[in-house]
Amino acid sequence: MDDIELQPPTVASATHTGLILDIAALEIYSPLSGADGLGYPYIRCTDHRVLRVPEPLHQWAADTIALEHARHATGARPLFPGQVEFGILDGTMYAEVL
């Protein structure tokens, strides 16, 4: 897997828009071996790009994956494919499912 990390832009204010990506899936990559032996979240875009989720968004990714599984279990409409906005506002990285 490519190891290209998502680089969200800094936005000037809450009224500005960050980077919007069309996402096919949000998943966890679990290597069989590695320096720390831990997996990491990544996004697979509808244009076939694969981007590693930056560390400040790991909890968002875990929470969103759990929500996606819960929605699937109840038969609700899945979050993905769908759009997500990424950015950095006031020094804090964010992701928002649109």
PDB file of N, CA and C in Angstrom:
ATOM      1  N   MET A   1       0.843  -1.182   0.000  1.00  0.00           N
ATOM      2  CA  MET A   1       0.000   0.000   0.000  1.00  0.00           C
ATOM      3  C   MET A   1       0.878   1.231   0.000  1.00  0.00           C
ATOM      4  N   ASP A   2       0.475   2.217  -0.805  1.00  0.00           N
ATOM      5  CA  ASP A   2       1.185   3.489  -0.812  1.00  0.00           C
ATOM      6  C   ASP A   2       1.062   4.117   0.574  1.00  0.00           C
ATOM      7  N   ASP A   3       2.052   4.889   0.934  1.00  0.00           N
ATOM      8  CA  ASP A   3       2.050   5.514   2.249  1.00  0.00           C
ATOM      9  C   ASP A   3       1.984   7.026   2.114  1.00  0.00           C
ATOM     10  N   ILE A   4       1.030   7.499   1.312  1.00  0.00           N
ATOM     11  CA  ILE A   4       0.843   8.932   1.108  1.00  0.00           C
ATOM     12  C   ILE A   4      -0.162   9.420   2.139  1.00  0.00           C
ATOM     13  N   GLU A   5       0.267  10.373   2.963  1.00  0.00           N
ATOM     14  CA  GLU A   5      -0.612  10.874   4.016  1.00  0.00           C
ATOM     15  C   GLU A   5      -1.438  12.054   3.514  1.00  0.00           C
ATOM     16  N   LEU A   6      -2.681  12.072   3.891  1.00  0.00           N
ATOM     17  CA  LEU A   6      -3.575  13.181   3.588  1.00  0.00           C
ATOM     18  C   LEU A   6      -3.010  14.454   4.212  1.00  0.00           C
ATOM     19  N   GLN A   7      -3.008  15.544   3.457  1.00  0.00           N
ATOM     20  CA  GLN A   7      -2.506  16.834   3.933  1.00  0.00           C
ATOM     21  C   GLN A   7      -3.642  17.862   3.879  1.00  0.00           C
ATOM     22  N   PRO A   8      -4.450  17.951   4.947  1.00  0.00           N
ATOM     23  CA  PRO A   8      -5.551  18.922   4.933  1.00  0.00           C
ATOM     24  C   PRO A   8      -5.031  20.359   4.886  1.00  0.00           C
ATOM     25  N   PRO A   9      -5.742  21.240   4.184  1.00  0.00           N
ATOM     26  CA  PRO A   9      -5.316  22.641   4.128  1.00  0.00           C
ATOM     27  C   PRO A   9      -5.739  23.401   5.379  1.00  0.00           C
ATOM     28  N   THR A  10      -5.071  24.503   5.646  1.00  0.00           N
ATOM     29  CA  THR A  10      -5.492  25.409   6.710  1.00  0.00           C
ATOM     30  C   THR A  10      -6.566  26.323   6.129  1.00  0.00           C
ATOM     31  N   VAL A  11      -7.683  26.437   6.846  1.00  0.00           N
ATOM     32  CA  VAL A  11      -8.762  27.311   6.398  1.00  0.00           C
ATOM     33  C   VAL A  11      -8.768  28.564   7.273  1.00  0.00           C
ATOM     34  N   ALA A  12      -9.135  29.680   6.658  1.00  0.00           N
ATOM     35  CA  ALA A  12      -9.063  30.976   7.333  1.00  0.00           C
ATOM     36  C   ALA A  12     -10.123  31.154   8.412  1.00  0.00           C
ATOM     37  N   SER A  13     -11.320  30.571   8.181  1.00  0.00           N
ATOM     38  CA  SER A  13     -12.393  30.705   9.159  1.00  0.00           C
ATOM     39  C   SER A  13     -13.393  29.581   8.955  1.00  0.00           C
ATOM     40  N   ALA A  14     -14.341  29.473   9.869  1.00  0.00           N
ATOM     41  CA  ALA A  14     -15.353  28.409   9.778  1.00  0.00           C
ATOM     42  C   ALA A  14     -16.249  28.574   8.559  1.00  0.00           C
ATOM     43  N   THR A  15     -16.263  29.748   7.958  1.00  0.00           N
ATOM     44  CA  THR A  15     -17.085  29.956   6.767  1.00  0.00           C
ATOM     45  C   THR A  15     -16.368  29.508   5.493  1.00  0.00           C
ATOM     46  N   HIS A  16     -15.082  29.200   5.593  1.00  0.00           N
ATOM     47  CA  HIS A  16     -14.331  28.727   4.437  1.00  0.00           C
ATOM     48  C   HIS A  16     -14.390  27.204   4.369  1.00  0.00           C
ATOM     49  N   THR A  17     -14.155  26.691   3.188  1.00  0.00           N
ATOM     50  CA  THR A  17     -14.222  25.252   2.961  1.00  0.00           C
ATOM     51  C   THR A  17     -12.823  24.667   2.870  1.00  0.00           C
ATOM     52  N   GLY A  18     -12.639  23.495   3.474  1.00  0.00           N
ATOM     53  CA  GLY A  18     -11.378  22.786   3.388  1.00  0.00           C
ATOM     54  C   GLY A  18     -11.339  21.924   2.133  1.00  0.00           C
ATOM     55  N   LEU A  19     -10.600  20.849   2.194  1.00  0.00           N
ATOM     56  CA  LEU A  19     -10.464  19.899   1.089  1.00  0.00           C
ATOM     57  C   LEU A  19     -11.620  18.912   1.142  1.00  0.00           C
ATOM     58  N   ILE A  20     -12.396  18.844   0.070  1.00  0.00           N
ATOM     59  CA  ILE A  20     -13.511  17.899   0.018  1.00  0.00           C
ATOM     60  C   ILE A  20     -13.113  16.744  -0.884  1.00  0.00           C
ATOM     61  N   LEU A  21     -13.198  15.537  -0.336  1.00  0.00           N
ATOM     62  CA  LEU A  21     -12.856  14.331  -1.085  1.00  0.00           C
ATOM     63  C   LEU A  21     -14.079  13.431  -1.203  1.00  0.00           C
ATOM     64  N   ASP A  22     -14.195  12.782  -2.356  1.00  0.00           N
ATOM     65  CA  ASP A  22     -15.218  11.758  -2.566  1.00  0.00           C
ATOM     66  C   ASP A  22     -14.606  10.439  -2.105  1.00  0.00           C
ATOM     67  N   ILE A  23     -15.149   9.904  -1.021  1.00  0.00           N
ATOM     68  CA  ILE A  23     -14.556   8.724  -0.390  1.00  0.00           C
ATOM     69  C   ILE A  23     -15.407   7.490  -0.655  1.00  0.00           C
ATOM     70  N   ALA A  24     -14.736   6.443  -1.114  1.00  0.00           N
ATOM     71  CA  ALA A  24     -15.397   5.162  -1.338  1.00  0.00           C
ATOM     72  C   ALA A  24     -15.435   4.361  -0.038  1.00  0.00           C
ATOM     73  N   ALA A  25     -14.356   4.438   0.755  1.00  0.00           N
ATOM     74  CA  ALA A  25     -14.289   3.654   1.989  1.00  0.00           C
ATOM     75  C   ALA A  25     -13.288   4.263   2.964  1.00  0.00           C
ATOM     76  N   LEU A  26     -13.544   4.043   4.226  1.00  0.00           N
ATOM     77  CA  LEU A  26     -12.635   4.401   5.311  1.00  0.00           C
ATOM     78  C   LEU A  26     -12.357   3.091   6.030  1.00  0.00           C
ATOM     79  N   GLU A  27     -11.089   2.706   6.093  1.00  0.00           N
ATOM     80  CA  GLU A  27     -10.734   1.384   6.611  1.00  0.00           C
ATOM     81  C   GLU A  27      -9.473   1.457   7.454  1.00  0.00           C
ATOM     82  N   ILE A  28      -9.157   0.343   8.091  1.00  0.00           N
ATOM     83  CA  ILE A  28      -7.923   0.214   8.873  1.00  0.00           C
ATOM     84  C   ILE A  28      -6.987  -0.721   8.138  1.00  0.00           C
ATOM     85  N   TYR A  29      -5.755  -0.288   7.917  1.00  0.00           N
ATOM     86  CA  TYR A  29      -4.726  -1.124   7.324  1.00  0.00           C
ATOM     87  C   TYR A  29      -3.983  -1.781   8.471  1.00  0.00           C
ATOM     88  N   SER A  30      -3.928  -3.090   8.454  1.00  0.00           N
ATOM     89  CA  SER A  30      -3.262  -3.836   9.524  1.00  0.00           C
ATOM     90  C   SER A  30      -2.129  -4.662   8.928  1.00  0.00           C
ATOM     91  N   PRO A  31      -0.930  -4.131   8.945  1.00  0.00           N
ATOM     92  CA  PRO A  31       0.201  -4.871   8.398  1.00  0.00           C
ATOM     93  C   PRO A  31       0.512  -6.095   9.261  1.00  0.00           C
ATOM     94  N   LEU A  32       0.972  -7.152   8.624  1.00  0.00           N
ATOM     95  CA  LEU A  32       1.331  -8.351   9.379  1.00  0.00           C
ATOM     96  C   LEU A  32       2.576  -8.111  10.217  1.00  0.00           C
ATOM     97  N   SER A  33       3.448  -7.260   9.737  1.00  0.00           N
ATOM     98  CA  SER A  33       4.633  -6.916  10.519  1.00  0.00           C
ATOM     99  C   SER A  33       4.920  -5.442  10.304  1.00  0.00           C
ATOM    100  N   GLY A  34       5.554  -4.864  11.243  1.00  0.00           N
ATOM    101  CA  GLY A  34       5.884  -3.441  11.150  1.00  0.00           C
ATOM    102  C   GLY A  34       6.630  -3.023  12.387  1.00  0.00           C
ATOM    103  N   ALA A  35       7.105  -1.813  12.366  1.00  0.00           N
ATOM    104  CA  ALA A  35       7.889  -1.327  13.498  1.00  0.00           C
ATOM    105  C   ALA A  35       7.094  -1.383  14.794  1.00  0.00           C
ATOM    106  N   ASP A  36       5.833  -0.977  14.748  1.00  0.00           N
ATOM    107  CA  ASP A  36       5.033  -0.976  15.972  1.00  0.00           C
ATOM    108  C   ASP A  36       3.972  -2.068  15.970  1.00  0.00           C
ATOM    109  N   GLY A  37       3.789  -2.729  14.829  1.00  0.00           N
ATOM    110  CA  GLY A  37       2.804  -3.809  14.749  1.00  0.00           C
ATOM    111  C   GLY A  37       1.367  -3.329  14.774  1.00  0.00           C
ATOM    112  N   LEU A  38       1.151  -2.014  14.696  1.00  0.00           N
ATOM    113  CA  LEU A  38      -0.194  -1.462  14.763  1.00  0.00           C
ATOM    114  C   LEU A  38      -0.670  -1.071  13.376  1.00  0.00           C
ATOM    115  N   GLY A  39      -1.968  -1.088  13.207  1.00  0.00           N
ATOM    116  CA  GLY A  39      -2.547  -0.646  11.952  1.00  0.00           C
ATOM    117  C   GLY A  39      -2.791   0.851  11.990  1.00  0.00           C
ATOM    118  N   TYR A  40      -3.237   1.372  10.859  1.00  0.00           N
ATOM    119  CA  TYR A  40      -3.579   2.779  10.796  1.00  0.00           C
ATOM    120  C   TYR A  40      -4.744   2.965   9.840  1.00  0.00           C
ATOM    121  N   PRO A  41      -5.530   4.014  10.042  1.00  0.00           N
ATOM    122  CA  PRO A  41      -6.671   4.249   9.161  1.00  0.00           C
ATOM    123  C   PRO A  41      -6.225   4.882   7.840  1.00  0.00           C
ATOM    124  N   TYR A  42      -6.997   4.559   6.813  1.00  0.00           N
ATOM    125  CA  TYR A  42      -6.751   5.160   5.511  1.00  0.00           C
ATOM    126  C   TYR A  42      -8.081   5.349   4.797  1.00  0.00           C
ATOM    127  N   ILE A  43      -8.075   6.245   3.812  1.00  0.00           N
ATOM    128  CA  ILE A  43      -9.264   6.453   3.000  1.00  0.00           C
ATOM    129  C   ILE A  43      -8.958   5.993   1.582  1.00  0.00           C
ATOM    130  N   ARG A  44      -9.968   5.408   0.974  1.00  0.00           N
ATOM    131  CA  ARG A  44      -9.900   5.024  -0.431  1.00  0.00           C
ATOM    132  C   ARG A  44     -10.889   5.925  -1.157  1.00  0.00           C
ATOM    133  N   CYS A  45     -10.366   6.783  -2.020  1.00  0.00           N
ATOM    134  CA  CYS A  45     -11.208   7.742  -2.742  1.00  0.00           C
ATOM    135  C   CYS A  45     -11.862   7.067  -3.939  1.00  0.00           C
ATOM    136  N   THR A  46     -12.942   7.669  -4.422  1.00  0.00           N
ATOM    137  CA  THR A  46     -13.645   7.105  -5.575  1.00  0.00           C
ATOM    138  C   THR A  46     -12.803   7.181  -6.843  1.00  0.00           C
ATOM    139  N   ASP A  47     -11.776   8.039  -6.853  1.00  0.00           N
ATOM    140  CA  ASP A  47     -10.871   8.110  -8.011  1.00  0.00           C
ATOM    141  C   ASP A  47      -9.679   7.162  -7.850  1.00  0.00           C
ATOM    142  N   HIS A  48      -9.766   6.245  -6.871  1.00  0.00           N
ATOM    143  CA  HIS A  48      -8.788   5.181  -6.614  1.00  0.00           C
ATOM    144  C   HIS A  48      -7.533   5.638  -5.882  1.00  0.00           C
ATOM    145  N   ARG A  49      -7.474   6.896  -5.457  1.00  0.00           N
ATOM    146  CA  ARG A  49      -6.356   7.308  -4.599  1.00  0.00           C
ATOM    147  C   ARG A  49      -6.542   6.677  -3.233  1.00  0.00           C
ATOM    148  N   VAL A  50      -5.425   6.340  -2.605  1.00  0.00           N
ATOM    149  CA  VAL A  50      -5.442   5.812  -1.243  1.00  0.00           C
ATOM    150  C   VAL A  50      -4.572   6.742  -0.405  1.00  0.00           C
ATOM    151  N   LEU A  51      -5.151   7.266   0.686  1.00  0.00           N
ATOM    152  CA  LEU A  51      -4.450   8.227   1.526  1.00  0.00           C
ATOM    153  C   LEU A  51      -4.499   7.788   2.981  1.00  0.00           C
ATOM    154  N   ARG A  52      -3.348   7.850   3.618  1.00  0.00           N
ATOM    155  CA  ARG A  52      -3.262   7.550   5.045  1.00  0.00           C
ATOM    156  C   ARG A  52      -3.879   8.705   5.839  1.00  0.00           C
ATOM    157  N   VAL A  53      -4.677   8.381   6.845  1.00  0.00           N
ATOM    158  CA  VAL A  53      -5.290   9.402   7.697  1.00  0.00           C
ATOM    159  C   VAL A  53      -4.238   9.908   8.687  1.00  0.00           C
ATOM    160  N   PRO A  54      -4.053  11.229   8.796  1.00  0.00           N
ATOM    161  CA  PRO A  54      -3.065  11.770   9.733  1.00  0.00           C
ATOM    162  C   PRO A  54      -3.418  11.419  11.191  1.00  0.00           C
ATOM    163  N   GLU A  55      -2.417  11.322  12.021  1.00  0.00           N
ATOM    164  CA  GLU A  55      -2.590  10.919  13.425  1.00  0.00           C
ATOM    165  C   GLU A  55      -3.629  11.746  14.170  1.00  0.00           C
ATOM    166  N   PRO A  56      -3.707  13.074  13.979  1.00  0.00           N
ATOM    167  CA  PRO A  56      -4.733  13.834  14.713  1.00  0.00           C
ATOM    168  C   PRO A  56      -6.170  13.414  14.379  1.00  0.00           C
ATOM    169  N   LEU A  57      -6.362  12.689  13.277  1.00  0.00           N
ATOM    170  CA  LEU A  57      -7.705  12.252  12.892  1.00  0.00           C
ATOM    171  C   LEU A  57      -7.943  10.764  13.126  1.00  0.00           C
ATOM    172  N   HIS A  58      -7.022  10.085  13.805  1.00  0.00           N
ATOM    173  CA  HIS A  58      -7.195   8.648  14.059  1.00  0.00           C
ATOM    174  C   HIS A  58      -8.451   8.359  14.874  1.00  0.00           C
ATOM    175  N   GLN A  59      -8.737   9.163  15.890  1.00  0.00           N
ATOM    176  CA  GLN A  59      -9.933   8.922  16.703  1.00  0.00           C
ATOM    177  C   GLN A  59     -11.192   9.167  15.884  1.00  0.00           C
ATOM    178  N   TRP A  60     -11.184  10.219  15.069  1.00  0.00           N
ATOM    179  CA  TRP A  60     -12.322  10.467  14.169  1.00  0.00           C
ATOM    180  C   TRP A  60     -12.537   9.251  13.266  1.00  0.00           C
ATOM    181  N   ALA A  61     -11.446   8.717  12.716  1.00  0.00           N
ATOM    182  CA  ALA A  61     -11.554   7.556  11.823  1.00  0.00           C
ATOM    183  C   ALA A  61     -12.137   6.361  12.561  1.00  0.00           C
ATOM    184  N   ALA A  62     -11.649   6.073  13.769  1.00  0.00           N
ATOM    185  CA  ALA A  62     -12.162   4.943  14.549  1.00  0.00           C
ATOM    186  C   ALA A  62     -13.641   5.115  14.859  1.00  0.00           C
ATOM    187  N   ASP A  63     -14.024   6.321  15.269  1.00  0.00           N
ATOM    188  CA  ASP A  63     -15.432   6.600  15.577  1.00  0.00           C
ATOM    189  C   ASP A  63     -16.310   6.477  14.330  1.00  0.00           C
ATOM    190  N   THR A  64     -15.811   6.946  13.198  1.00  0.00           N
ATOM    191  CA  THR A  64     -16.581   6.899  11.956  1.00  0.00           C
ATOM    192  C   THR A  64     -16.716   5.471  11.447  1.00  0.00           C
ATOM    193  N   ILE A  65     -15.673   4.675  11.573  1.00  0.00           N
ATOM    194  CA  ILE A  65     -15.752   3.265  11.184  1.00  0.00           C
ATOM    195  C   ILE A  65     -16.762   2.544  12.072  1.00  0.00           C
ATOM    196  N   ALA A  66     -16.743   2.817  13.373  1.00  0.00           N
ATOM    197  CA  ALA A  66     -17.713   2.195  14.286  1.00  0.00           C
ATOM    198  C   ALA A  66     -19.136   2.605  13.918  1.00  0.00           C
ATOM    199  N   LEU A  67     -19.338   3.883  13.585  1.00  0.00           N
ATOM    200  CA  LEU A  67     -20.655   4.359  13.170  1.00  0.00           C
ATOM    201  C   LEU A  67     -21.099   3.665  11.888  1.00  0.00           C
ATOM    202  N   GLU A  68     -20.189   3.500  10.953  1.00  0.00           N
ATOM    203  CA  GLU A  68     -20.505   2.830   9.689  1.00  0.00           C
ATOM    204  C   GLU A  68     -20.937   1.381   9.936  1.00  0.00           C
ATOM    205  N   HIS A  69     -20.252   0.676  10.839  1.00  0.00           N
ATOM    206  CA  HIS A  69     -20.631  -0.703  11.181  1.00  0.00           C
ATOM    207  C   HIS A  69     -22.004  -0.737  11.855  1.00  0.00           C
ATOM    208  N   ALA A  70     -22.266   0.216  12.745  1.00  0.00           N
ATOM    209  CA  ALA A  70     -23.560   0.265  13.428  1.00  0.00           C
ATOM    210  C   ALA A  70     -24.681   0.543  12.425  1.00  0.00           C
ATOM    211  N   ARG A  71     -24.433   1.436  11.490  1.00  0.00           N
ATOM    212  CA  ARG A  71     -25.436   1.741  10.468  1.00  0.00           C
ATOM    213  C   ARG A  71     -25.710   0.513   9.608  1.00  0.00           C
ATOM    214  N   HIS A  72     -24.653  -0.195   9.266  1.00  0.00           N
ATOM    215  CA  HIS A  72     -24.809  -1.414   8.459  1.00  0.00           C
ATOM    216  C   HIS A  72     -25.651  -2.450   9.208  1.00  0.00           C
ATOM    217  N   ALA A  73     -25.402  -2.591  10.503  1.00  0.00           N
ATOM    218  CA  ALA A  73     -26.126  -3.580  11.315  1.00  0.00           C
ATOM    219  C   ALA A  73     -27.618  -3.274  11.409  1.00  0.00           C
ATOM    220  N   THR A  74     -27.970  -2.002  11.348  1.00  0.00           N
ATOM    221  CA  THR A  74     -29.385  -1.625  11.452  1.00  0.00           C
ATOM    222  C   THR A  74     -30.059  -1.469  10.092  1.00  0.00           C
ATOM    223  N   GLY A  75     -29.285  -1.632   9.026  1.00  0.00           N
ATOM    224  CA  GLY A  75     -29.848  -1.485   7.694  1.00  0.00           C
ATOM    225  C   GLY A  75     -29.951  -0.048   7.222  1.00  0.00           C
ATOM    226  N   ALA A  76     -29.366   0.873   7.970  1.00  0.00           N
ATOM    227  CA  ALA A  76     -29.397   2.292   7.586  1.00  0.00           C
ATOM    228  C   ALA A  76     -28.493   2.537   6.378  1.00  0.00           C
ATOM    229  N   ARG A  77     -28.737   3.639   5.709  1.00  0.00           N
ATOM    230  CA  ARG A  77     -27.925   4.018   4.553  1.00  0.00           C
ATOM    231  C   ARG A  77     -26.473   4.208   4.981  1.00  0.00           C
ATOM    232  N   PRO A  78     -25.514   3.643   4.246  1.00  0.00           N
ATOM    233  CA  PRO A  78     -24.106   3.784   4.622  1.00  0.00           C
ATOM    234  C   PRO A  78     -23.596   5.213   4.419  1.00  0.00           C
ATOM    235  N   LEU A  79     -22.553   5.557   5.143  1.00  0.00           N
ATOM    236  CA  LEU A  79     -21.919   6.864   4.995  1.00  0.00           C
ATOM    237  C   LEU A  79     -21.110   6.945   3.703  1.00  0.00           C
ATOM    238  N   PHE A  80     -20.554   5.804   3.303  1.00  0.00           N
ATOM    239  CA  PHE A  80     -19.669   5.776   2.135  1.00  0.00           C
ATOM    240  C   PHE A  80     -20.208   4.813   1.096  1.00  0.00           C
ATOM    241  N   PRO A  81     -20.128   5.183  -0.197  1.00  0.00           N
ATOM    242  CA  PRO A  81     -19.411   6.347  -0.697  1.00  0.00           C
ATOM    243  C   PRO A  81     -20.101   7.645  -0.298  1.00  0.00           C
ATOM    244  N   GLY A  82     -19.271   8.639  -0.095  1.00  0.00           N
ATOM    245  CA  GLY A  82     -19.772   9.943   0.295  1.00  0.00           C
ATOM    246  C   GLY A  82     -18.642  10.951   0.348  1.00  0.00           C
ATOM    247  N   GLN A  83     -18.980  12.178   0.667  1.00  0.00           N
ATOM    248  CA  GLN A  83     -17.984  13.245   0.722  1.00  0.00           C
ATOM    249  C   GLN A  83     -17.606  13.575   2.155  1.00  0.00           C
ATOM    250  N   VAL A  84     -16.324  13.903   2.327  1.00  0.00           N
ATOM    251  CA  VAL A  84     -15.807  14.334   3.625  1.00  0.00           C
ATOM    252  C   VAL A  84     -14.961  15.580   3.392  1.00  0.00           C
ATOM    253  N   GLU A  85     -15.147  16.563   4.258  1.00  0.00           N
ATOM    254  CA  GLU A  85     -14.325  17.775   4.223  1.00  0.00           C
ATOM    255  C   GLU A  85     -13.231  17.640   5.271  1.00  0.00           C
ATOM    256  N   PHE A  86     -11.994  17.941   4.859  1.00  0.00           N
ATOM    257  CA  PHE A  86     -10.837  17.911   5.750  1.00  0.00           C
ATOM    258  C   PHE A  86     -10.211  19.293   5.789  1.00  0.00           C
ATOM    259  N   GLY A  87      -9.730  19.689   6.948  1.00  0.00           N
ATOM    260  CA  GLY A  87      -9.062  20.973   7.052  1.00  0.00           C
ATOM    261  C   GLY A  87      -8.406  21.150   8.408  1.00  0.00           C
ATOM    262  N   ILE A  88      -7.778  22.285   8.557  1.00  0.00           N
ATOM    263  CA  ILE A  88      -7.172  22.692   9.832  1.00  0.00           C
ATOM    264  C   ILE A  88      -7.724  24.079  10.128  1.00  0.00           C
ATOM    265  N   LEU A  89      -8.422  24.203  11.244  1.00  0.00           N
ATOM    266  CA  LEU A  89      -9.029  25.461  11.644  1.00  0.00           C
ATOM    267  C   LEU A  89      -8.542  25.803  13.049  1.00  0.00           C
ATOM    268  N   ASP A  90      -7.991  26.976  13.215  1.00  0.00           N
ATOM    269  CA  ASP A  90      -7.460  27.415  14.517  1.00  0.00           C
ATOM    270  C   ASP A  90      -6.489  26.406  15.094  1.00  0.00           C
ATOM    271  N   GLY A  91      -5.660  25.828  14.240  1.00  0.00           N
ATOM    272  CA  GLY A  91      -4.628  24.888  14.678  1.00  0.00           C
ATOM    273  C   GLY A  91      -5.110  23.480  14.948  1.00  0.00           C
ATOM    274  N   THR A  92      -6.395  23.208  14.741  1.00  0.00           N
ATOM    275  CA  THR A  92      -6.943  21.882  14.989  1.00  0.00           C
ATOM    276  C   THR A  92      -7.398  21.240  13.693  1.00  0.00           C
ATOM    277  N   MET A  93      -6.940  20.012  13.449  1.00  0.00           N
ATOM    278  CA  MET A  93      -7.327  19.288  12.254  1.00  0.00           C
ATOM    279  C   MET A  93      -8.729  18.724  12.442  1.00  0.00           C
ATOM    280  N   TYR A  94      -9.535  18.784  11.379  1.00  0.00           N
ATOM    281  CA  TYR A  94     -10.891  18.269  11.467  1.00  0.00           C
ATOM    282  C   TYR A  94     -11.257  17.488  10.218  1.00  0.00           C
ATOM    283  N   ALA A  95     -12.279  16.650  10.359  1.00  0.00           N
ATOM    284  CA  ALA A  95     -12.898  15.926   9.250  1.00  0.00           C
ATOM    285  C   ALA A  95     -14.377  15.943   9.519  1.00  0.00           C
ATOM    286  N   GLU A  96     -15.159  16.214   8.469  1.00  0.00           N
ATOM    287  CA  GLU A  96     -16.611  16.275   8.622  1.00  0.00           C
ATOM    288  C   GLU A  96     -17.268  15.560   7.444  1.00  0.00           C
ATOM    289  N   VAL A  97     -18.068  14.531   7.765  1.00  0.00           N
ATOM    290  CA  VAL A  97     -18.816  13.842   6.726  1.00  0.00           C
ATOM    291  C   VAL A  97     -19.914  14.801   6.260  1.00  0.00           C
ATOM    292  N   LEU A  98     -19.995  14.990   4.961  1.00  0.00           N
ATOM    293  CA  LEU A  98     -20.989  15.919   4.400  1.00  0.00           C
ATOM    294  C   LEU A  98     -22.249  15.204   3.970  1.00  0.00           C
TER     295      LEU A  98
END
